[in-house]
Amino acid sequence: MNIMVCHDGSKKAQDALVKAVNLFNPMNPKVLLLSVVEAPLDASSTNEESFRKLCERREDDLKTVGSWVVDQGLEADIIIAVGDPRKMII
């Protein structure tokens, strides 16, 4: 069994992850943690730098959250997607 949880580093995302892990843990699912970052609207160096930092922060957050999932006895993968969250999540 695989479950996907979208995680943006917020408390609500973490609460949803905890609930999903508690609910599905007996079924020993593989957990896919997904975070979507929207690309900057223009290519200025300031926007590119902010985008790069956001991607790094999301990756660090997902690694931390992924470690927590593993500590719960489940396997976890992380994906950081770039684009419109409404389209990328689907």
N, C-alpha and C. Protein backbone atom coordinates (compact mmCIF):
# COMPACT_ATOMS: atom_id res chain seq x y z
N MET A 1 0.85 -1.17 0.00
CA MET A 1 0.00 0.00 0.00
C MET A 1 0.89 1.23 0.00
N ASN A 2 0.48 2.23 -0.75
CA ASN A 2 1.16 3.51 -0.81
C ASN A 2 0.18 4.61 -0.41
N ILE A 3 0.67 5.58 0.36
CA ILE A 3 -0.14 6.76 0.65
C ILE A 3 0.70 7.99 0.35
N MET A 4 0.06 9.02 -0.15
CA MET A 4 0.74 10.27 -0.43
C MET A 4 0.21 11.33 0.53
N VAL A 5 1.13 12.06 1.12
CA VAL A 5 0.77 13.17 1.99
C VAL A 5 1.50 14.40 1.48
N CYS A 6 0.74 15.44 1.18
CA CYS A 6 1.34 16.70 0.76
C CYS A 6 1.75 17.44 2.02
N HIS A 7 2.98 17.97 2.00
CA HIS A 7 3.52 18.60 3.20
C HIS A 7 4.24 19.88 2.80
N ASP A 8 3.82 20.99 3.40
CA ASP A 8 4.44 22.28 3.09
C ASP A 8 5.20 22.85 4.28
N GLY A 9 5.40 22.03 5.31
CA GLY A 9 6.11 22.49 6.49
C GLY A 9 5.23 23.13 7.53
N SER A 10 3.95 23.26 7.24
CA SER A 10 3.04 23.91 8.19
C SER A 10 2.59 22.93 9.28
N LYS A 11 2.04 23.48 10.35
CA LYS A 11 1.52 22.66 11.44
C LYS A 11 0.35 21.81 10.95
N LYS A 12 -0.51 22.38 10.13
CA LYS A 12 -1.66 21.61 9.62
C LYS A 12 -1.20 20.43 8.77
N ALA A 13 -0.16 20.63 7.97
CA ALA A 13 0.37 19.53 7.17
C ALA A 13 0.95 18.45 8.07
N GLN A 14 1.64 18.87 9.12
CA GLN A 14 2.20 17.89 10.06
C GLN A 14 1.09 17.13 10.79
N ASP A 15 0.05 17.85 11.19
CA ASP A 15 -1.09 17.19 11.85
C ASP A 15 -1.73 16.15 10.92
N ALA A 16 -1.88 16.50 9.64
CA ALA A 16 -2.45 15.56 8.67
C ALA A 16 -1.55 14.34 8.50
N LEU A 17 -0.25 14.55 8.49
CA LEU A 17 0.69 13.43 8.37
C LEU A 17 0.59 12.51 9.57
N VAL A 18 0.56 13.08 10.76
CA VAL A 18 0.46 12.26 11.98
C VAL A 18 -0.83 11.43 11.95
N LYS A 19 -1.93 12.05 11.56
CA LYS A 19 -3.20 11.32 11.49
C LYS A 19 -3.13 10.21 10.45
N ALA A 20 -2.54 10.48 9.30
CA ALA A 20 -2.43 9.46 8.25
C ALA A 20 -1.55 8.30 8.72
N VAL A 21 -0.44 8.60 9.35
CA VAL A 21 0.45 7.54 9.83
C VAL A 21 -0.25 6.71 10.90
N ASN A 22 -0.93 7.36 11.82
CA ASN A 22 -1.65 6.62 12.86
C ASN A 22 -2.76 5.75 12.29
N LEU A 23 -3.45 6.27 11.28
CA LEU A 23 -4.56 5.53 10.68
C LEU A 23 -4.08 4.33 9.88
N PHE A 24 -3.04 4.53 9.07
CA PHE A 24 -2.61 3.49 8.14
C PHE A 24 -1.45 2.64 8.62
N ASN A 25 -0.82 2.98 9.73
CA ASN A 25 0.36 2.27 10.21
C ASN A 25 0.16 0.75 10.27
N PRO A 26 -0.98 0.25 10.75
CA PRO A 26 -1.14 -1.22 10.80
C PRO A 26 -1.05 -1.90 9.43
N MET A 27 -1.27 -1.15 8.36
CA MET A 27 -1.21 -1.73 7.01
C MET A 27 0.19 -1.63 6.40
N ASN A 28 1.12 -1.04 7.15
CA ASN A 28 2.52 -0.91 6.74
C ASN A 28 2.69 -0.28 5.35
N PRO A 29 2.12 0.91 5.15
CA PRO A 29 2.22 1.53 3.82
C PRO A 29 3.59 2.16 3.61
N LYS A 30 3.89 2.40 2.36
CA LYS A 30 5.02 3.24 1.99
C LYS A 30 4.44 4.66 1.90
N VAL A 31 5.08 5.62 2.53
CA VAL A 31 4.58 6.99 2.57
C VAL A 31 5.37 7.85 1.59
N LEU A 32 4.65 8.49 0.68
CA LEU A 32 5.25 9.43 -0.26
C LEU A 32 4.94 10.83 0.24
N LEU A 33 5.97 11.57 0.58
CA LEU A 33 5.81 12.95 1.05
C LEU A 33 6.08 13.87 -0.13
N LEU A 34 5.11 14.71 -0.44
CA LEU A 34 5.20 15.59 -1.60
C LEU A 34 5.09 17.04 -1.17
N SER A 35 5.98 17.85 -1.71
CA SER A 35 5.88 19.30 -1.52
C SER A 35 6.00 19.94 -2.89
N VAL A 36 5.15 20.90 -3.16
CA VAL A 36 5.15 21.57 -4.47
C VAL A 36 5.55 23.02 -4.27
N VAL A 37 6.51 23.45 -5.07
CA VAL A 37 6.99 24.83 -5.03
C VAL A 37 6.66 25.47 -6.37
N GLU A 38 6.05 26.63 -6.31
CA GLU A 38 5.73 27.34 -7.54
C GLU A 38 6.96 28.09 -8.04
N ALA A 39 7.22 27.99 -9.33
CA ALA A 39 8.36 28.67 -9.95
C ALA A 39 8.12 30.18 -9.92
N PRO A 40 9.20 30.95 -9.84
CA PRO A 40 9.03 32.41 -9.86
C PRO A 40 8.43 32.88 -11.18
N LEU A 41 7.68 33.96 -11.11
CA LEU A 41 7.02 34.48 -12.30
C LEU A 41 7.97 35.19 -13.25
N ASP A 42 9.07 35.71 -12.73
CA ASP A 42 10.08 36.30 -13.62
C ASP A 42 11.45 35.77 -13.24
N ALA A 43 12.39 36.00 -14.08
CA ALA A 43 13.71 35.40 -13.91
C ALA A 43 14.72 36.35 -13.29
N SER A 44 14.27 37.26 -12.46
CA SER A 44 15.24 38.15 -11.81
C SER A 44 16.10 37.34 -10.85
N SER A 45 17.30 37.81 -10.61
CA SER A 45 18.21 37.07 -9.73
C SER A 45 17.66 36.99 -8.30
N THR A 46 16.91 38.00 -7.87
CA THR A 46 16.32 37.98 -6.54
C THR A 46 15.28 36.88 -6.44
N ASN A 47 14.42 36.78 -7.44
CA ASN A 47 13.39 35.74 -7.45
C ASN A 47 14.02 34.36 -7.55
N GLU A 48 15.03 34.21 -8.37
CA GLU A 48 15.70 32.92 -8.51
C GLU A 48 16.35 32.50 -7.20
N GLU A 49 16.96 33.43 -6.51
CA GLU A 49 17.61 33.12 -5.22
C GLU A 49 16.56 32.75 -4.17
N SER A 50 15.45 33.48 -4.13
CA SER A 50 14.37 33.15 -3.20
C SER A 50 13.80 31.77 -3.50
N PHE A 51 13.62 31.47 -4.77
CA PHE A 51 13.11 30.17 -5.20
C PHE A 51 14.06 29.06 -4.77
N ARG A 52 15.34 29.24 -5.00
CA ARG A 52 16.34 28.24 -4.63
C ARG A 52 16.33 28.00 -3.12
N LYS A 53 16.25 29.07 -2.34
CA LYS A 53 16.21 28.93 -0.88
C LYS A 53 14.94 28.22 -0.42
N LEU A 54 13.82 28.53 -1.05
CA LEU A 54 12.56 27.86 -0.71
C LEU A 54 12.65 26.36 -1.00
N CYS A 55 13.21 26.01 -2.15
CA CYS A 55 13.37 24.59 -2.49
C CYS A 55 14.26 23.89 -1.47
N GLU A 56 15.35 24.52 -1.08
CA GLU A 56 16.25 23.92 -0.09
C GLU A 56 15.55 23.75 1.25
N ARG A 57 14.77 24.76 1.65
CA ARG A 57 14.05 24.69 2.93
C ARG A 57 13.01 23.57 2.89
N ARG A 58 12.28 23.47 1.79
CA ARG A 58 11.29 22.39 1.67
C ARG A 58 11.96 21.02 1.70
N GLU A 59 13.11 20.91 1.03
CA GLU A 59 13.82 19.63 1.03
C GLU A 59 14.28 19.27 2.44
N ASP A 60 14.82 20.23 3.16
CA ASP A 60 15.23 19.98 4.55
C ASP A 60 14.04 19.58 5.41
N ASP A 61 12.92 20.28 5.25
CA ASP A 61 11.71 19.95 6.00
C ASP A 61 11.24 18.52 5.69
N LEU A 62 11.22 18.17 4.40
CA LEU A 62 10.76 16.83 4.03
C LEU A 62 11.70 15.74 4.53
N LYS A 63 12.99 16.02 4.55
CA LYS A 63 13.94 15.04 5.09
C LYS A 63 13.67 14.81 6.57
N THR A 64 13.41 15.89 7.30
CA THR A 64 13.10 15.78 8.73
C THR A 64 11.82 14.99 8.94
N VAL A 65 10.80 15.33 8.18
CA VAL A 65 9.51 14.66 8.29
C VAL A 65 9.64 13.20 7.85
N GLY A 66 10.41 12.94 6.80
CA GLY A 66 10.65 11.58 6.35
C GLY A 66 11.33 10.74 7.42
N SER A 67 12.27 11.34 8.14
CA SER A 67 12.93 10.63 9.24
C SER A 67 11.93 10.28 10.33
N TRP A 68 11.00 11.19 10.58
CA TRP A 68 9.96 10.91 11.59
C TRP A 68 9.11 9.72 11.14
N VAL A 69 8.75 9.68 9.86
CA VAL A 69 7.94 8.57 9.33
C VAL A 69 8.70 7.26 9.51
N VAL A 70 9.98 7.26 9.19
CA VAL A 70 10.80 6.06 9.34
C VAL A 70 10.86 5.64 10.81
N ASP A 71 10.95 6.61 11.71
CA ASP A 71 10.95 6.31 13.15
C ASP A 71 9.65 5.64 13.59
N GLN A 72 8.58 5.85 12.81
CA GLN A 72 7.29 5.22 13.12
C GLN A 72 7.22 3.80 12.55
N GLY A 73 8.30 3.37 11.90
CA GLY A 73 8.37 2.01 11.37
C GLY A 73 7.90 1.86 9.94
N LEU A 74 7.78 2.98 9.23
CA LEU A 74 7.31 2.94 7.84
C LEU A 74 8.40 3.41 6.90
N GLU A 75 8.27 3.03 5.64
CA GLU A 75 9.19 3.48 4.61
C GLU A 75 8.68 4.82 4.06
N ALA A 76 9.60 5.72 3.73
CA ALA A 76 9.19 7.04 3.23
C ALA A 76 10.06 7.46 2.06
N ASP A 77 9.44 8.11 1.09
CA ASP A 77 10.12 8.75 -0.03
C ASP A 77 9.67 10.21 -0.05
N ILE A 78 10.54 11.07 -0.56
CA ILE A 78 10.17 12.48 -0.67
C ILE A 78 10.30 12.94 -2.13
N ILE A 79 9.40 13.83 -2.50
CA ILE A 79 9.43 14.44 -3.83
C ILE A 79 9.16 15.92 -3.66
N ILE A 80 9.99 16.72 -4.33
CA ILE A 80 9.72 18.15 -4.42
C ILE A 80 9.43 18.43 -5.89
N ALA A 81 8.21 18.87 -6.15
CA ALA A 81 7.79 19.16 -7.52
C ALA A 81 7.74 20.67 -7.71
N VAL A 82 7.99 21.10 -8.93
CA VAL A 82 7.94 22.52 -9.26
C VAL A 82 6.80 22.75 -10.24
N GLY A 83 5.90 23.67 -9.88
CA GLY A 83 4.78 23.99 -10.76
C GLY A 83 3.56 24.41 -9.96
N ASP A 84 2.43 24.36 -10.61
CA ASP A 84 1.16 24.71 -10.00
C ASP A 84 0.73 23.55 -9.10
N PRO A 85 0.58 23.77 -7.79
CA PRO A 85 0.23 22.67 -6.88
C PRO A 85 -1.04 21.94 -7.30
N ARG A 86 -2.02 22.66 -7.84
CA ARG A 86 -3.27 22.01 -8.25
C ARG A 86 -3.03 20.97 -9.33
N LYS A 87 -2.05 21.20 -10.18
CA LYS A 87 -1.76 20.27 -11.26
C LYS A 87 -0.71 19.23 -10.83
N MET A 88 0.26 19.65 -10.08
CA MET A 88 1.35 18.75 -9.71
C MET A 88 0.90 17.66 -8.73
N ILE A 89 -0.02 17.96 -7.86
CA ILE A 89 -0.48 16.97 -6.89
C ILE A 89 -1.24 15.86 -7.60
N ILE A 90 -2.01 16.23 -8.59
CA ILE A 90 -2.77 15.22 -9.35
C ILE A 90 -1.81 14.35 -10.12
